[in-house]
PDB file of all heavy atoms in Angstrom:
ATOM      1  N   GLY A   1     136.190 100.776 113.291  1.00  0.00           N
ATOM      2  CA  GLY A   1     135.306  99.804 112.660  1.00  0.00           C
ATOM      3  C   GLY A   1     134.776  98.804 113.676  1.00  0.00           C
ATOM      4  O   GLY A   1     135.594  98.147 114.396  1.00  0.00           O
ATOM      5  N   ALA A   2     133.456  98.610 113.741  1.00  0.00           N
ATOM      6  CA  ALA A   2     132.923  97.672 114.755  1.00  0.00           C
ATOM      7  C   ALA A   2     133.438  96.311 114.582  1.00  0.00           C
ATOM      8  O   ALA A   2     133.763  95.635 115.569  1.00  0.00           O
ATOM      9  CB  ALA A   2     131.370  97.743 114.594  1.00  0.00           C
ATOM     10  N   ASP A   3     133.563  95.816 113.318  1.00  0.00           N
ATOM     11  CA  ASP A   3     134.029  94.458 113.114  1.00  0.00           C
ATOM     12  C   ASP A   3     135.471  94.316 113.569  1.00  0.00           C
ATOM     13  O   ASP A   3     135.860  93.335 114.213  1.00  0.00           O
ATOM     14  CB  ASP A   3     133.909  94.107 111.636  1.00  0.00           C
ATOM     15  CG  ASP A   3     132.437  93.955 111.207  1.00  0.00           C
ATOM     16  OD1 ASP A   3     131.573  93.833 112.084  1.00  0.00           O
ATOM     17  OD2 ASP A   3     132.205  93.992 109.987  1.00  0.00           O
ATOM     18  N   THR A   4     136.285  95.248 113.231  1.00  0.00           N
ATOM     19  CA  THR A   4     137.744  95.204 113.587  1.00  0.00           C
ATOM     20  C   THR A   4     137.879  95.251 115.096  1.00  0.00           C
ATOM     21  O   THR A   4     138.700  94.548 115.707  1.00  0.00           O
ATOM     22  CB  THR A   4     138.508  96.339 112.916  1.00  0.00           C
ATOM     23  OG1 THR A   4     138.261  96.306 111.504  1.00  0.00           O
ATOM     24  CG2 THR A   4     140.009  96.195 113.177  1.00  0.00           C
ATOM     25  N   ILE A   5     137.141  96.173 115.712  1.00  0.00           N
ATOM     26  CA  ILE A   5     137.216  96.309 117.160  1.00  0.00           C
ATOM     27  C   ILE A   5     136.688  95.014 117.820  1.00  0.00           C
ATOM     28  O   ILE A   5     137.302  94.523 118.768  1.00  0.00           O
ATOM     29  CB  ILE A   5     136.395  97.499 117.647  1.00  0.00           C
ATOM     30  CG1 ILE A   5     136.938  98.798 117.113  1.00  0.00           C
ATOM     31  CG2 ILE A   5     136.325  97.524 119.189  1.00  0.00           C
ATOM     32  CD1 ILE A   5     136.064 100.035 117.378  1.00  0.00           C
ATOM     33  N   GLY A   6     135.658  94.434 117.258  1.00  0.00           N
ATOM     34  CA  GLY A   6     135.113  93.175 117.840  1.00  0.00           C
ATOM     35  C   GLY A   6     136.114  92.041 117.818  1.00  0.00           C
ATOM     36  O   GLY A   6     136.193  91.266 118.729  1.00  0.00           O
ATOM     37  N   VAL A   7     136.878  91.958 116.719  1.00  0.00           N
ATOM     38  CA  VAL A   7     137.924  90.941 116.588  1.00  0.00           C
ATOM     39  C   VAL A   7     138.959  91.131 117.664  1.00  0.00           C
ATOM     40  O   VAL A   7     139.413  90.185 118.355  1.00  0.00           O
ATOM     41  CB  VAL A   7     138.575  91.002 115.217  1.00  0.00           C
ATOM     42  CG1 VAL A   7     139.798  90.045 115.193  1.00  0.00           C
ATOM     43  CG2 VAL A   7     137.566  90.556 114.174  1.00  0.00           C
ATOM     44  N   ALA A   8     139.386  92.351 117.903  1.00  0.00           N
ATOM     45  CA  ALA A   8     140.405  92.664 118.918  1.00  0.00           C
ATOM     46  C   ALA A   8     139.866  92.338 120.311  1.00  0.00           C
ATOM     47  O   ALA A   8     140.593  91.781 121.170  1.00  0.00           O
ATOM     48  CB  ALA A   8     140.786  94.120 118.843  1.00  0.00           C
ATOM     49  N   VAL A   9     138.604  92.688 120.572  1.00  0.00           N
ATOM     50  CA  VAL A   9     137.977  92.355 121.863  1.00  0.00           C
ATOM     51  C   VAL A   9     137.898  90.864 122.063  1.00  0.00           C
ATOM     52  O   VAL A   9     138.181  90.320 123.162  1.00  0.00           O
ATOM     53  CB  VAL A   9     136.579  93.031 121.939  1.00  0.00           C
ATOM     54  CG1 VAL A   9     135.883  92.523 123.189  1.00  0.00           C
ATOM     55  CG2 VAL A   9     136.749  94.555 122.018  1.00  0.00           C
ATOM     56  N   GLY A  10     137.515  90.167 120.989  1.00  0.00           N
ATOM     57  CA  GLY A  10     137.354  88.684 121.090  1.00  0.00           C
ATOM     58  C   GLY A  10     138.575  87.975 121.446  1.00  0.00           C
ATOM     59  O   GLY A  10     138.588  86.914 122.081  1.00  0.00           O
ATOM     60  N   LYS A  11     139.740  88.567 121.069  1.00  0.00           N
ATOM     61  CA  LYS A  11     141.025  87.925 121.331  1.00  0.00           C
ATOM     62  C   LYS A  11     141.377  87.939 122.807  1.00  0.00           C
ATOM     63  O   LYS A  11     142.205  87.130 123.282  1.00  0.00           O
ATOM     64  CB  LYS A  11     142.148  88.546 120.517  1.00  0.00           C
ATOM     65  CG  LYS A  11     142.067  88.243 118.998  1.00  0.00           C
ATOM     66  CD  LYS A  11     143.174  88.929 118.289  1.00  0.00           C
ATOM     67  CE  LYS A  11     143.157  88.607 116.786  1.00  0.00           C
ATOM     68  NZ  LYS A  11     144.229  89.320 116.075  1.00  0.00           N
ATOM     69  N   VAL A  12     140.840  88.918 123.547  1.00  0.00           N
ATOM     70  CA  VAL A  12     141.264  89.086 124.971  1.00  0.00           C
ATOM     71  C   VAL A  12     140.127  88.818 125.986  1.00  0.00           C
ATOM     72  O   VAL A  12     140.412  88.584 127.154  1.00  0.00           O
ATOM     73  CB  VAL A  12     141.843  90.478 125.164  1.00  0.00           C
ATOM     74  CG1 VAL A  12     143.021  90.732 124.258  1.00  0.00           C
ATOM     75  CG2 VAL A  12     140.771  91.565 124.948  1.00  0.00           C
ATOM     76  N   VAL A  13     138.844  88.943 125.486  1.00  0.00           N
ATOM     77  CA  VAL A  13     137.782  88.949 126.487  1.00  0.00           C
ATOM     78  C   VAL A  13     137.677  87.656 127.290  1.00  0.00           C
ATOM     79  O   VAL A  13     137.266  87.647 128.473  1.00  0.00           O
ATOM     80  CB  VAL A  13     136.435  89.300 125.773  1.00  0.00           C
ATOM     81  CG1 VAL A  13     135.962  88.114 124.927  1.00  0.00           C
ATOM     82  CG2 VAL A  13     135.338  89.678 126.831  1.00  0.00           C
ATOM     83  N   ASP A  14     137.976  86.535 126.640  1.00  0.00           N
ATOM     84  CA  ASP A  14     137.855  85.273 127.370  1.00  0.00           C
ATOM     85  C   ASP A  14     139.217  84.692 127.859  1.00  0.00           C
ATOM     86  O   ASP A  14     139.298  83.493 128.157  1.00  0.00           O
ATOM     87  CB  ASP A  14     137.165  84.189 126.477  1.00  0.00           C
ATOM     88  CG  ASP A  14     135.660  84.314 126.555  1.00  0.00           C
ATOM     89  OD1 ASP A  14     135.164  84.836 127.529  1.00  0.00           O
ATOM     90  OD2 ASP A  14     134.973  83.832 125.640  1.00  0.00           O
ATOM     91  N   THR A  15     140.239  85.538 127.863  1.00  0.00           N
ATOM     92  CA  THR A  15     141.509  85.064 128.367  1.00  0.00           C
ATOM     93  C   THR A  15     141.379  84.500 129.775  1.00  0.00           C
ATOM     94  O   THR A  15     141.992  83.492 130.122  1.00  0.00           O
ATOM     95  CB  THR A  15     142.532  86.228 128.329  1.00  0.00           C
ATOM     96  OG1 THR A  15     142.649  86.721 127.053  1.00  0.00           O
ATOM     97  CG2 THR A  15     143.876  85.759 128.898  1.00  0.00           C
ATOM     98  N   TYR A  16     140.633  85.163 130.618  1.00  0.00           N
ATOM     99  CA  TYR A  16     140.411  84.705 132.006  1.00  0.00           C
ATOM    100  C   TYR A  16     138.979  84.251 132.263  1.00  0.00           C
ATOM    101  O   TYR A  16     138.529  84.132 133.387  1.00  0.00           O
ATOM    102  CB  TYR A  16     140.793  85.864 132.945  1.00  0.00           C
ATOM    103  CG  TYR A  16     142.211  86.344 132.818  1.00  0.00           C
ATOM    104  CD1 TYR A  16     142.473  87.624 132.339  1.00  0.00           C
ATOM    105  CD2 TYR A  16     143.276  85.523 133.136  1.00  0.00           C
ATOM    106  CE1 TYR A  16     143.804  88.075 132.200  1.00  0.00           C
ATOM    107  CE2 TYR A  16     144.546  85.957 133.033  1.00  0.00           C
ATOM    108  CZ  TYR A  16     144.813  87.183 132.513  1.00  0.00           C
ATOM    109  OH  TYR A  16     146.140  87.683 132.386  1.00  0.00           O
ATOM    110  N   LYS A  17     138.235  83.987 131.171  1.00  0.00           N
ATOM    111  CA  LYS A  17     136.882  83.449 131.197  1.00  0.00           C
ATOM    112  C   LYS A  17     135.957  84.390 132.030  1.00  0.00           C
ATOM    113  O   LYS A  17     135.088  83.909 132.748  1.00  0.00           O
ATOM    114  CB  LYS A  17     136.883  82.071 131.845  1.00  0.00           C
ATOM    115  CG  LYS A  17     137.857  81.094 131.231  1.00  0.00           C
ATOM    116  CD  LYS A  17     137.581  80.862 129.753  1.00  0.00           C
ATOM    117  CE  LYS A  17     138.581  79.956 129.079  1.00  0.00           C
ATOM    118  NZ  LYS A  17     138.383  79.771 127.629  1.00  0.00           N
ATOM    119  N   MET A  18     136.106  85.667 131.913  1.00  0.00           N
ATOM    120  CA  MET A  18     135.293  86.629 132.641  1.00  0.00           C
ATOM    121  C   MET A  18     134.319  87.408 131.778  1.00  0.00           C
ATOM    122  O   MET A  18     133.705  88.335 132.211  1.00  0.00           O
ATOM    123  CB  MET A  18     136.224  87.582 133.427  1.00  0.00           C
ATOM    124  CG  MET A  18     136.929  87.020 134.585  1.00  0.00           C
ATOM    125  SD  MET A  18     135.849  86.685 135.992  1.00  0.00           S
ATOM    126  CE  MET A  18     135.847  84.900 135.993  1.00  0.00           C
ATOM    127  N   GLY A  19     134.251  87.034 130.471  1.00  0.00           N
ATOM    128  CA  GLY A  19     133.357  87.715 129.520  1.00  0.00           C
ATOM    129  C   GLY A  19     131.897  87.710 130.007  1.00  0.00           C
ATOM    130  O   GLY A  19     131.147  88.639 129.725  1.00  0.00           O
ATOM    131  N   LYS A  20     131.502  86.666 130.709  1.00  0.00           N
ATOM    132  CA  LYS A  20     130.106  86.516 131.175  1.00  0.00           C
ATOM    133  C   LYS A  20     129.744  87.609 132.139  1.00  0.00           C
ATOM    134  O   LYS A  20     128.563  87.868 132.340  1.00  0.00           O
ATOM    135  CB  LYS A  20     129.890  85.120 131.759  1.00  0.00           C
ATOM    136  CG  LYS A  20     130.789  84.900 133.022  1.00  0.00           C
ATOM    137  CD  LYS A  20     130.601  83.490 133.554  1.00  0.00           C
ATOM    138  CE  LYS A  20     131.528  83.247 134.768  1.00  0.00           C
ATOM    139  NZ  LYS A  20     131.381  81.939 135.287  1.00  0.00           N
ATOM    140  N   HIS A  21     130.712  88.232 132.803  1.00  0.00           N
ATOM    141  CA  HIS A  21     130.414  89.264 133.765  1.00  0.00           C
ATOM    142  C   HIS A  21     130.540  90.684 133.297  1.00  0.00           C
ATOM    143  O   HIS A  21     130.526  91.605 134.069  1.00  0.00           O
ATOM    144  CB  HIS A  21     131.387  89.073 134.995  1.00  0.00           C
ATOM    145  CG  HIS A  21     131.091  87.788 135.810  1.00  0.00           C
ATOM    146  ND1 HIS A  21     129.851  87.373 136.091  1.00  0.00           N
ATOM    147  CD2 HIS A  21     131.975  86.894 136.361  1.00  0.00           C
ATOM    148  CE1 HIS A  21     129.940  86.269 136.828  1.00  0.00           C
ATOM    149  NE2 HIS A  21     131.213  85.969 136.977  1.00  0.00           N
ATOM    150  N   LEU A  22     130.666  90.874 131.996  1.00  0.00           N
ATOM    151  CA  LEU A  22     130.891  92.179 131.378  1.00  0.00           C
ATOM    152  C   LEU A  22     129.910  92.467 130.321  1.00  0.00           C
ATOM    153  O   LEU A  22     129.524  91.607 129.507  1.00  0.00           O
ATOM    154  CB  LEU A  22     132.362  92.290 130.817  1.00  0.00           C
ATOM    155  CG  LEU A  22     133.506  92.060 131.782  1.00  0.00           C
ATOM    156  CD1 LEU A  22     134.800  91.971 131.004  1.00  0.00           C
ATOM    157  CD2 LEU A  22     133.547  93.119 132.813  1.00  0.00           C
ATOM    158  N   ASP A  23     129.458  93.748 130.318  1.00  0.00           N
ATOM    159  CA  ASP A  23     128.638  94.278 129.202  1.00  0.00           C
ATOM    160  C   ASP A  23     129.552  95.044 128.270  1.00  0.00           C
ATOM    161  O   ASP A  23     130.272  95.991 128.777  1.00  0.00           O
ATOM    162  CB  ASP A  23     127.549  95.189 129.694  1.00  0.00           C
ATOM    163  CG  ASP A  23     126.311  94.396 130.115  1.00  0.00           C
ATOM    164  OD1 ASP A  23     125.999  93.450 129.432  1.00  0.00           O
ATOM    165  OD2 ASP A  23     125.715  94.755 131.124  1.00  0.00           O
ATOM    166  N   ILE A  24     129.678  94.647 127.050  1.00  0.00           N
ATOM    167  CA  ILE A  24     130.602  95.276 126.074  1.00  0.00           C
ATOM    168  C   ILE A  24     129.811  95.886 124.914  1.00  0.00           C
ATOM    169  O   ILE A  24     129.028  95.137 124.273  1.00  0.00           O
ATOM    170  CB  ILE A  24     131.579  94.276 125.580  1.00  0.00           C
ATOM    171  CG1 ILE A  24     132.447  93.666 126.726  1.00  0.00           C
ATOM    172  CG2 ILE A  24     132.552  94.924 124.544  1.00  0.00           C
ATOM    173  CD1 ILE A  24     133.368  92.575 126.351  1.00  0.00           C
ATOM    174  N   THR A  25     129.935  97.193 124.783  1.00  0.00           N
ATOM    175  CA  THR A  25     129.204  97.880 123.641  1.00  0.00           C
ATOM    176  C   THR A  25     130.271  98.343 122.625  1.00  0.00           C
ATOM    177  O   THR A  25     131.171  99.056 123.037  1.00  0.00           O
ATOM    178  CB  THR A  25     128.422  99.042 124.225  1.00  0.00           C
ATOM    179  OG1 THR A  25     127.526  98.557 125.194  1.00  0.00           O
ATOM    180  CG2 THR A  25     127.579  99.734 123.087  1.00  0.00           C
ATOM    181  N   ILE A  26     130.087  98.018 121.381  1.00  0.00           N
ATOM    182  CA  ILE A  26     131.005  98.347 120.336  1.00  0.00           C
ATOM    183  C   ILE A  26     130.267  99.122 119.217  1.00  0.00           C
ATOM    184  O   ILE A  26     129.218  98.689 118.746  1.00  0.00           O
ATOM    185  CB  ILE A  26     131.673  97.074 119.770  1.00  0.00           C
ATOM    186  CG1 ILE A  26     132.396  96.265 120.851  1.00  0.00           C
ATOM    187  CG2 ILE A  26     132.644  97.441 118.650  1.00  0.00           C
ATOM    188  CD1 ILE A  26     132.911  94.913 120.415  1.00  0.00           C
ATOM    189  N   THR A  27     130.869 100.199 118.829  1.00  0.00           N
ATOM    190  CA  THR A  27     130.481 100.924 117.654  1.00  0.00           C
ATOM    191  C   THR A  27     131.662 101.110 116.746  1.00  0.00           C
ATOM    192  O   THR A  27     132.757 100.626 117.075  1.00  0.00           O
ATOM    193  CB  THR A  27     129.887 102.352 118.011  1.00  0.00           C
ATOM    194  OG1 THR A  27     130.915 103.194 118.473  1.00  0.00           O
ATOM    195  CG2 THR A  27     128.787 102.217 119.042  1.00  0.00           C
ATOM    196  N   ASP A  28     131.468 101.800 115.604  1.00  0.00           N
ATOM    197  CA  ASP A  28     132.579 101.989 114.695  1.00  0.00           C
ATOM    198  C   ASP A  28     133.689 102.838 115.310  1.00  0.00           C
ATOM    199  O   ASP A  28     134.892 102.728 114.861  1.00  0.00           O
ATOM    200  CB  ASP A  28     132.151 102.639 113.440  1.00  0.00           C
ATOM    201  CG  ASP A  28     131.346 101.681 112.490  1.00  0.00           C
ATOM    202  OD1 ASP A  28     131.528 100.461 112.696  1.00  0.00           O
ATOM    203  OD2 ASP A  28     130.562 102.130 111.665  1.00  0.00           O
ATOM    204  N   THR A  29     133.363 103.656 116.284  1.00  0.00           N
ATOM    205  CA  THR A  29     134.373 104.559 116.839  1.00  0.00           C
ATOM    206  C   THR A  29     134.479 104.507 118.374  1.00  0.00           C
ATOM    207  O   THR A  29     135.178 105.332 118.977  1.00  0.00           O
ATOM    208  CB  THR A  29     134.014 106.068 116.414  1.00  0.00           C
ATOM    209  OG1 THR A  29     132.671 106.327 116.909  1.00  0.00           O
ATOM    210  CG2 THR A  29     134.076 106.201 114.945  1.00  0.00           C
ATOM    211  N   SER A  30     133.835 103.498 119.007  1.00  0.00           N
ATOM    212  CA  SER A  30     133.895 103.520 120.468  1.00  0.00           C
ATOM    213  C   SER A  30     133.783 102.087 121.028  1.00  0.00           C
ATOM    214  O   SER A  30     133.298 101.141 120.348  1.00  0.00           O
ATOM    215  CB  SER A  30     132.688 104.320 121.073  1.00  0.00           C
ATOM    216  OG  SER A  30     131.475 103.717 120.776  1.00  0.00           O
ATOM    217  N   LEU A  31     134.281 101.926 122.243  1.00  0.00           N
ATOM    218  CA  LEU A  31     134.253 100.670 122.983  1.00  0.00           C
ATOM    219  C   LEU A  31     134.000 100.974 124.421  1.00  0.00           C
ATOM    220  O   LEU A  31     134.728 101.754 125.076  1.00  0.00           O
ATOM    221  CB  LEU A  31     135.590  99.892 122.833  1.00  0.00           C
ATOM    222  CG  LEU A  31     135.710  98.682 123.726  1.00  0.00           C
ATOM    223  CD1 LEU A  31     134.697  97.626 123.440  1.00  0.00           C
ATOM    224  CD2 LEU A  31     137.142  98.115 123.591  1.00  0.00           C
TER     225      LEU A  31
END
């Protein structure tokens, strides 16, 4: 699920403040 995956990604993507340097594509079944 895109929303559930997005929540999981959001918890870790800014741990080291590097989200600005990454392209992240999320679908219901892929990341």
